Amino acid sequence: MTNIRILNEQEMQEAILLANRMFRDAEQVPMQSGFPYLYSTTYGQSFGTFEGDRLLGFNGLLPAVLRVGPAAINVFSLGSVCIDPEVRGRGYASSMLANVKNHVKDAGASLLLVTGTRSLYTRAACHLFGAVTRVHLDQSHAHCLLASKVSQPFHLRAMELYEWLKLHTVARSREVHYEQSVWDLAGLTKAEAYASCVKLKHEIVVAERNGKVAAFAVVAIPKGTLQSRRPPFAVEWAGDASAVASLLAFATISSDIAALEVPVNWHEHDLLEVLHHVPSTPEQNLGTVYIANIEQFVEEIRPYWMQHDASVGAQLTIHLAADDEYVLSLPQLPTLRLRGQELTSLLFTPAAQIELVEEWAAALHKLLPIPLPSTSGLNYV
């Protein structure tokens, strides 16, 4: 008989062995090194499926807070999902996900961010969301950036190890970001979560202006003898958009790589403007999102809405009416019913293809979409 439960310390060691077997080869660091928070029992959130004392599957679950302007959004992130190959096809993954979804709501989160887009998730009301512009910064465009007026005010260099407080000051100035302490910023950068999955290593570069740090960027690049599975990419950044663009160009040239991929979130308008001449491709945000508690989410995001339209922001309500069906209400407007994917797109995706009557479109245009931080950055799970 199978049992699904939160793992204790001994069981987490078994989960680490399973995850290393599923996701790592001899060249890669162990999963607990790349994801130290996820594989710690300090947070006591990750689930396992057991048959007696044997661990059959693992769902890594980690709480976080997203800052969107003045709003604080309580979320969980789900990753490192694995099932022992010997027992696949028995529905264990679906059962574990159902337990996770219930736990997320009970634990006080409004959203679940899922590192995965396969049908296991989309069938369970985890929906695609957001939009990213993947900028392909090659050597030619990097040299042009560094030779332009954009880069002239900045001194570009590698980070010094004593500068974490300076970087944290810049990081917390972002309008949209994961809450990160100084320890989080340093620890997650050292862990190299996403980079360790694709055999790349982090490098941190900073831009100074008048002796002060104006921006930083963490990039994932090849180092040593590891053969990477994907091109180098920018992981996370913060600060003045011109300084960030200059840093990305500097990293491309100083690391002697053919090109750096930069996944710029749709709401980073200033950075997109600086990089508008660089070739790019549009794509979906990494993973899916499950709305665990829409009523709570509305109250959490309301301070952000109030900044943009106090009248509508104070009055808009959204309720779950049935399984994956929602009702939006505003005084003097007919109620609006949307399926889960429609609501998710309306909330988080720019230019969402949702047919709205003119009155609803006019009422919501200052409030939506809501920007969320990248799920492929330092907080990737």
Protein backbone atom coordinates (compact mmCIF):
# COMPACT_ATOMS: atom_id res chain seq x y z
CA MET A 1 0.00 0.00 0.00
CA THR A 2 1.36 3.42 -0.94
CA ASN A 3 1.56 6.43 1.32
CA ILE A 4 2.24 10.09 0.42
CA ARG A 5 3.77 12.28 3.12
CA ILE A 6 6.23 15.07 3.88
CA LEU A 7 9.75 13.66 4.17
CA ASN A 8 11.71 13.51 7.39
CA GLU A 9 15.50 13.91 7.50
CA GLN A 10 16.35 10.27 6.84
CA GLU A 11 13.82 10.05 4.02
CA MET A 12 15.25 13.20 2.46
CA GLN A 13 18.59 11.39 2.14
CA GLU A 14 16.79 8.73 0.13
CA ALA A 15 15.19 11.44 -2.02
CA ILE A 16 18.63 12.89 -2.71
CA LEU A 17 19.87 9.49 -3.89
CA LEU A 18 16.83 9.11 -6.16
CA ALA A 19 17.19 12.63 -7.60
CA ASN A 20 20.91 12.20 -8.22
CA ARG A 21 20.19 8.94 -10.03
CA MET A 22 17.51 10.61 -12.17
CA PHE A 23 19.04 14.02 -12.90
CA ARG A 24 22.83 13.86 -12.50
CA ASP A 25 25.78 12.23 -14.21
CA ALA A 26 29.36 11.75 -12.98
CA GLU A 27 30.42 15.25 -14.10
CA GLN A 28 27.73 17.17 -12.25
CA VAL A 29 27.57 18.26 -8.64
CA PRO A 30 24.98 16.39 -6.52
CA MET A 31 21.44 17.79 -6.47
CA GLN A 32 21.78 18.83 -2.83
CA SER A 33 24.67 21.10 -3.83
CA GLY A 34 22.78 22.75 -6.69
CA PHE A 35 19.54 23.00 -4.70
CA PRO A 36 20.56 23.28 -1.04
CA TYR A 37 17.28 24.82 0.14
CA LEU A 38 15.09 22.35 -1.75
CA TYR A 39 16.86 19.32 -0.28
CA SER A 40 16.94 20.63 3.26
CA THR A 41 14.43 19.45 5.86
CA THR A 42 14.69 22.90 7.47
CA TYR A 43 11.64 23.99 5.47
CA GLY A 44 9.77 20.66 5.89
CA GLN A 45 7.66 20.97 2.72
CA SER A 46 8.78 18.34 0.19
CA PHE A 47 6.67 15.25 -0.45
CA GLY A 48 7.50 11.61 -1.13
CA THR A 49 5.49 8.60 -2.22
CA PHE A 50 6.29 5.44 -0.28
CA GLU A 51 5.50 1.76 -0.50
CA GLY A 52 6.24 0.62 3.00
CA ASP A 53 9.63 2.20 3.71
CA ARG A 54 10.67 2.39 0.06
CA LEU A 55 10.68 5.85 -1.56
CA LEU A 56 9.05 5.69 -4.99
CA GLY A 57 8.77 9.37 -5.90
CA PHE A 58 9.74 12.88 -4.85
CA ASN A 59 8.21 16.35 -5.20
CA GLY A 60 10.53 19.18 -4.11
CA LEU A 61 8.53 22.04 -2.62
CA LEU A 62 9.85 25.36 -1.35
CA PRO A 63 8.05 28.50 -0.05
CA ALA A 64 8.91 32.02 -1.17
CA VAL A 65 7.55 35.57 -1.26
CA LEU A 66 7.33 37.55 -4.50
CA ARG A 67 7.48 41.33 -4.40
CA VAL A 68 5.42 43.13 -7.02
CA GLY A 69 5.69 46.82 -6.21
CA PRO A 70 4.10 47.23 -2.75
CA ALA A 71 2.45 43.78 -2.94
CA ALA A 72 3.81 40.62 -1.30
CA ILE A 73 2.66 37.34 -2.89
CA ASN A 74 3.01 34.09 -0.93
CA VAL A 75 3.99 31.25 -3.25
CA PHE A 76 5.45 27.79 -3.38
CA SER A 77 7.78 26.48 -6.09
CA LEU A 78 7.64 22.86 -7.22
CA GLY A 79 10.62 21.17 -8.86
CA SER A 80 12.88 18.12 -8.96
CA VAL A 81 9.82 15.97 -9.55
CA CYS A 82 10.83 12.35 -10.11
CA ILE A 83 9.39 8.84 -9.97
CA ASP A 84 11.45 5.66 -9.72
CA PRO A 85 11.51 4.25 -13.29
CA GLU A 86 10.40 0.85 -12.01
CA VAL A 87 7.00 2.21 -10.90
CA ARG A 88 6.17 4.78 -13.58
CA GLY A 89 2.73 4.68 -15.12
CA ARG A 90 0.91 3.84 -11.90
CA GLY A 91 -0.47 7.33 -11.25
CA TYR A 92 1.91 8.17 -8.39
CA ALA A 93 2.95 11.50 -9.92
CA SER A 94 -0.67 12.67 -10.22
CA SER A 95 -1.46 11.58 -6.67
CA MET A 96 1.58 13.41 -5.31
CA LEU A 97 0.67 16.56 -7.21
CA ALA A 98 -2.85 16.49 -5.76
CA ASN A 99 -1.37 16.29 -2.25
CA VAL A 100 1.01 19.14 -3.03
CA LYS A 101 -1.82 21.38 -4.26
CA ASN A 102 -3.82 20.82 -1.09
CA HIS A 103 -0.75 21.43 1.07
CA VAL A 104 0.11 24.69 -0.72
CA LYS A 105 -3.30 26.17 0.04
CA ASP A 106 -3.29 24.90 3.64
CA ALA A 107 0.21 26.35 4.15
CA GLY A 108 -0.96 29.86 3.23
CA ALA A 109 0.22 30.34 -0.36
CA SER A 110 -1.89 31.77 -3.16
CA LEU A 111 0.18 30.49 -6.10
CA LEU A 112 2.19 27.37 -6.96
CA LEU A 113 4.96 27.91 -9.53
CA VAL A 114 5.75 24.63 -11.29
CA THR A 115 8.97 23.81 -13.11
CA GLY A 116 7.20 21.80 -15.78
CA THR A 117 4.79 22.13 -18.68
CA ARG A 118 3.86 18.53 -19.49
CA SER A 119 0.33 17.20 -19.44
CA LEU A 120 0.71 15.96 -15.85
CA TYR A 121 0.52 19.64 -14.85
CA THR A 122 -1.70 21.19 -17.51
CA ARG A 123 -4.39 18.56 -16.86
CA ALA A 124 -4.30 19.57 -13.19
CA ALA A 125 -5.03 23.31 -13.67
CA CYS A 126 -1.36 24.34 -13.85
CA HIS A 127 -1.39 26.81 -16.71
CA LEU A 128 1.13 28.48 -19.00
CA PHE A 129 1.74 32.13 -18.17
CA GLY A 130 3.85 35.19 -18.85
CA ALA A 131 6.05 36.10 -21.81
CA VAL A 132 9.79 36.38 -22.30
CA THR A 133 11.95 37.89 -25.03
CA ARG A 134 15.07 35.74 -25.45
CA VAL A 135 17.77 38.12 -26.65
CA HIS A 136 20.70 36.53 -28.52
CA LEU A 137 23.65 38.75 -27.66
CA ASP A 138 26.50 37.73 -29.96
CA GLN A 139 30.04 39.09 -30.09
CA SER A 140 29.25 41.63 -32.79
CA HIS A 141 26.33 43.19 -30.93
CA ALA A 142 28.25 43.02 -27.65
CA HIS A 143 31.12 45.04 -29.13
CA CYS A 144 28.65 47.57 -30.53
CA LEU A 145 27.04 47.98 -27.11
CA LEU A 146 30.35 48.54 -25.36
CA ALA A 147 31.39 51.08 -27.99
CA SER A 148 28.12 53.02 -27.70
CA LYS A 149 27.14 55.87 -25.40
CA VAL A 150 25.11 53.37 -23.37
CA SER A 151 28.25 51.94 -21.76
CA GLN A 152 30.34 55.10 -21.41
CA PRO A 153 29.30 56.10 -17.85
CA PHE A 154 30.15 52.69 -16.36
CA HIS A 155 33.21 50.88 -15.14
CA LEU A 156 32.64 47.18 -15.81
CA ARG A 157 34.43 44.47 -13.85
CA ALA A 158 34.19 41.17 -12.02
CA MET A 159 32.59 41.26 -8.57
CA GLU A 160 34.77 41.32 -5.47
CA LEU A 161 33.87 38.75 -2.81
CA TYR A 162 33.23 41.41 -0.14
CA GLU A 163 30.51 43.19 -2.17
CA TRP A 164 27.41 41.17 -1.27
CA LEU A 165 25.87 44.03 0.69
CA LYS A 166 26.28 46.32 -2.31
CA LEU A 167 24.70 43.78 -4.63
CA HIS A 168 21.83 43.20 -2.22
CA THR A 169 21.08 46.94 -2.12
CA VAL A 170 20.75 46.93 -5.90
CA ALA A 171 18.78 43.67 -5.96
CA ARG A 172 16.12 44.83 -3.52
CA SER A 173 15.51 48.01 -5.55
CA ARG A 174 13.83 45.95 -8.29
CA GLU A 175 10.13 46.58 -8.64
CA VAL A 176 9.51 42.86 -9.25
CA HIS A 177 11.61 40.22 -7.53
CA TYR A 178 11.80 37.27 -5.18
CA GLU A 179 12.48 38.27 -1.60
CA GLN A 180 16.18 37.48 -1.08
CA SER A 181 18.27 38.16 2.01
CA VAL A 182 21.99 38.85 1.66
CA TRP A 183 22.53 35.19 2.60
CA ASP A 184 20.01 34.04 -0.02
CA LEU A 185 21.64 36.11 -2.75
CA ALA A 186 25.10 34.77 -1.97
CA GLY A 187 23.98 31.20 -1.31
CA LEU A 188 21.81 30.85 -4.40
CA THR A 189 24.52 32.35 -6.59
CA LYS A 190 27.03 29.84 -5.24
CA ALA A 191 24.58 26.93 -5.62
CA GLU A 192 24.21 27.47 -9.39
CA ALA A 193 20.86 25.65 -9.52
CA TYR A 194 19.87 25.93 -13.18
CA ALA A 195 23.46 26.24 -14.38
CA SER A 196 24.44 23.02 -12.61
CA CYS A 197 21.71 21.17 -14.53
CA VAL A 198 23.27 22.15 -17.87
CA LYS A 199 26.98 22.01 -16.93
CA LEU A 200 27.65 25.74 -16.78
CA LYS A 201 29.16 27.88 -14.00
CA HIS A 202 28.15 31.24 -12.56
CA GLU A 203 30.15 34.41 -12.98
CA ILE A 204 29.17 37.74 -11.39
CA VAL A 205 29.96 41.09 -12.98
CA VAL A 206 29.22 44.58 -11.70
CA ALA A 207 28.93 48.05 -13.20
CA GLU A 208 30.14 51.07 -11.24
CA ARG A 209 29.22 54.69 -11.81
CA ASN A 210 30.89 57.41 -9.77
CA GLY A 211 32.31 54.76 -7.45
CA LYS A 212 28.95 53.14 -6.66
CA VAL A 213 27.54 49.83 -7.90
CA ALA A 214 24.84 50.68 -10.44
CA ALA A 215 24.06 47.14 -11.56
CA PHE A 216 25.12 43.52 -11.39
CA ALA A 217 24.54 40.44 -13.50
CA VAL A 218 24.94 36.73 -12.86
CA VAL A 219 25.73 34.79 -16.03
CA ALA A 220 26.10 31.04 -16.63
CA ILE A 221 29.09 30.27 -18.85
CA PRO A 222 31.31 27.29 -19.73
CA LYS A 223 34.30 26.68 -17.49
CA GLY A 224 36.81 23.83 -17.32
CA THR A 225 36.27 20.64 -19.29
CA LEU A 226 32.49 20.33 -18.87
CA GLN A 227 30.57 20.06 -22.14
CA SER A 228 27.41 22.12 -21.70
CA ARG A 229 24.01 20.99 -22.91
CA ARG A 230 22.93 24.50 -23.85
CA PRO A 231 24.30 27.94 -24.76
CA PRO A 232 25.52 30.34 -22.05
CA PHE A 233 22.78 32.50 -20.56
CA ALA A 234 22.10 35.37 -18.18
CA VAL A 235 20.65 34.08 -14.91
CA GLU A 236 19.69 37.19 -12.96
CA TRP A 237 20.42 40.90 -12.91
CA ALA A 238 19.43 44.13 -11.25
CA GLY A 239 20.06 47.84 -11.56
CA ASP A 240 20.13 50.53 -14.23
CA ALA A 241 19.03 49.04 -17.57
CA SER A 242 21.90 50.62 -19.53
CA ALA A 243 24.38 49.28 -16.97
CA VAL A 244 22.83 45.81 -17.13
CA ALA A 245 23.02 45.75 -20.93
CA SER A 246 26.63 46.87 -20.77
CA LEU A 247 27.42 44.14 -18.25
CA LEU A 248 25.87 41.46 -20.42
CA ALA A 249 27.96 42.66 -23.36
CA PHE A 250 31.06 42.78 -21.15
CA ALA A 251 30.43 39.22 -19.94
CA THR A 252 29.98 37.98 -23.50
CA ILE A 253 33.30 39.43 -24.60
CA SER A 254 35.39 38.76 -21.48
CA SER A 255 34.21 35.14 -21.30
CA ASP A 256 35.02 34.67 -24.99
CA ILE A 257 31.72 32.99 -25.81
CA ALA A 258 29.98 33.10 -29.16
CA ALA A 259 26.77 34.50 -27.70
CA LEU A 260 24.87 35.01 -24.46
CA GLU A 261 21.16 34.26 -24.25
CA VAL A 262 19.26 36.81 -22.16
CA PRO A 263 15.66 35.89 -21.19
CA VAL A 264 14.13 39.32 -20.57
CA ASN A 265 10.73 39.34 -18.89
CA TRP A 266 7.98 41.30 -20.67
CA HIS A 267 7.76 43.98 -17.98
CA GLU A 268 11.47 44.95 -18.19
CA HIS A 269 10.71 47.67 -20.70
CA ASP A 270 13.87 49.73 -20.18
CA LEU A 271 16.20 46.76 -20.76
CA LEU A 272 14.21 45.63 -23.79
CA GLU A 273 14.53 49.14 -25.20
CA VAL A 274 18.32 49.19 -24.75
CA LEU A 275 18.59 45.75 -26.40
CA HIS A 276 15.98 46.35 -29.10
CA HIS A 277 18.55 46.17 -31.93
CA VAL A 278 19.84 42.74 -30.82
CA PRO A 279 18.23 39.65 -32.44
CA SER A 280 15.61 38.03 -30.21
CA THR A 281 12.83 35.47 -30.14
CA PRO A 282 9.58 35.57 -28.13
CA GLU A 283 8.72 32.64 -25.90
CA GLN A 284 6.62 31.54 -22.94
CA ASN A 285 7.82 31.94 -19.37
CA LEU A 286 9.46 28.85 -17.90
CA GLY A 287 6.97 26.41 -16.35
CA THR A 288 3.34 26.77 -15.31
CA VAL A 289 1.39 28.34 -12.46
CA TYR A 290 -1.44 26.92 -10.36
CA ILE A 291 -3.78 29.35 -8.61
CA ALA A 292 -4.09 27.77 -5.16
CA ASN A 293 -6.27 30.47 -3.58
CA ILE A 294 -7.61 33.18 -5.89
CA GLU A 295 -9.34 35.14 -3.13
CA GLN A 296 -6.10 35.37 -1.15
CA PHE A 297 -4.13 36.27 -4.27
CA VAL A 298 -6.49 39.16 -5.03
CA GLU A 299 -5.98 40.58 -1.53
CA GLU A 300 -2.21 40.13 -1.78
CA ILE A 301 -1.96 41.87 -5.16
CA ARG A 302 -4.46 44.60 -4.30
CA PRO A 303 -1.79 47.11 -3.09
CA TYR A 304 -0.22 46.89 -6.56
CA TRP A 305 -3.59 47.42 -8.19
CA MET A 306 -4.29 50.41 -5.96
CA GLN A 307 -1.14 52.06 -7.28
CA HIS A 308 -2.40 51.83 -10.85
CA ASP A 309 -6.15 52.42 -10.51
CA ALA A 310 -7.41 52.97 -6.97
CA SER A 311 -11.09 52.83 -7.88
CA VAL A 312 -11.09 49.56 -9.83
CA GLY A 313 -8.30 48.11 -7.72
CA ALA A 314 -10.33 48.50 -4.55
CA GLN A 315 -13.49 46.94 -5.97
CA LEU A 316 -12.37 44.08 -8.21
CA THR A 317 -13.07 40.62 -6.79
CA ILE A 318 -12.37 37.18 -8.24
CA HIS A 319 -13.89 33.97 -6.88
CA LEU A 320 -13.58 30.30 -7.70
CA ALA A 321 -17.08 29.30 -8.85
CA ALA A 322 -16.44 25.69 -9.87
CA ASP A 323 -13.54 23.41 -10.72
CA ASP A 324 -11.11 25.65 -12.66
CA GLU A 325 -13.82 28.24 -13.40
CA TYR A 326 -13.72 31.77 -11.98
CA VAL A 327 -16.06 34.73 -11.63
CA LEU A 328 -14.80 38.35 -11.81
CA SER A 329 -17.00 41.07 -10.33
CA LEU A 330 -17.07 44.86 -10.47
CA PRO A 331 -19.95 47.18 -9.55
CA GLN A 332 -22.11 48.25 -12.53
CA LEU A 333 -20.60 45.53 -14.76
CA PRO A 334 -22.03 42.11 -15.62
CA THR A 335 -20.11 39.28 -13.96
CA LEU A 336 -17.31 37.83 -16.08
CA ARG A 337 -16.76 34.06 -16.13
CA LEU A 338 -13.41 32.63 -17.22
CA ARG A 339 -11.81 29.20 -17.32
CA GLY A 340 -8.53 28.76 -15.47
CA GLN A 341 -6.23 29.15 -18.48
CA GLU A 342 -8.14 32.24 -19.58
CA LEU A 343 -7.85 33.84 -16.15
CA THR A 344 -4.18 32.92 -15.84
CA SER A 345 -3.43 34.49 -19.22
CA LEU A 346 -5.46 37.59 -18.37
CA LEU A 347 -3.64 37.98 -15.04
CA PHE A 348 -0.06 37.34 -16.14
CA THR A 349 0.37 37.35 -19.93
CA PRO A 350 0.65 40.54 -22.02
CA ALA A 351 -1.55 40.73 -25.12
CA ALA A 352 -3.50 37.69 -23.92
CA GLN A 353 -5.99 36.51 -26.53
CA ILE A 354 -9.02 36.79 -24.24
CA GLU A 355 -12.26 38.16 -25.66
CA LEU A 356 -13.59 40.77 -23.24
CA VAL A 357 -16.51 43.12 -23.65
CA GLU A 358 -15.41 46.72 -24.02
CA GLU A 359 -16.42 47.74 -20.48
CA TRP A 360 -14.36 44.97 -18.88
CA ALA A 361 -11.35 45.61 -21.11
CA ALA A 362 -11.43 49.31 -20.20
CA ALA A 363 -11.77 48.57 -16.48
CA LEU A 364 -8.87 46.12 -16.35
CA HIS A 365 -6.30 47.63 -18.70
CA LYS A 366 -4.43 49.54 -15.95
CA LEU A 367 -4.33 46.55 -13.59
CA LEU A 368 -3.38 43.68 -15.88
CA PRO A 369 -1.22 41.90 -16.71
CA ILE A 370 0.59 41.50 -13.41
CA PRO A 371 4.39 41.17 -13.68
CA LEU A 372 6.07 38.25 -11.94
CA PRO A 373 9.81 37.66 -11.49
CA SER A 374 11.57 35.14 -13.68
CA THR A 375 11.27 31.54 -12.50
CA SER A 376 14.52 30.65 -14.30
CA GLY A 377 16.69 32.94 -12.17
CA LEU A 378 18.53 32.25 -8.91
CA ASN A 379 15.35 30.93 -7.27
CA TYR A 380 14.87 28.23 -9.90
CA VAL A 381 13.84 24.87 -8.48
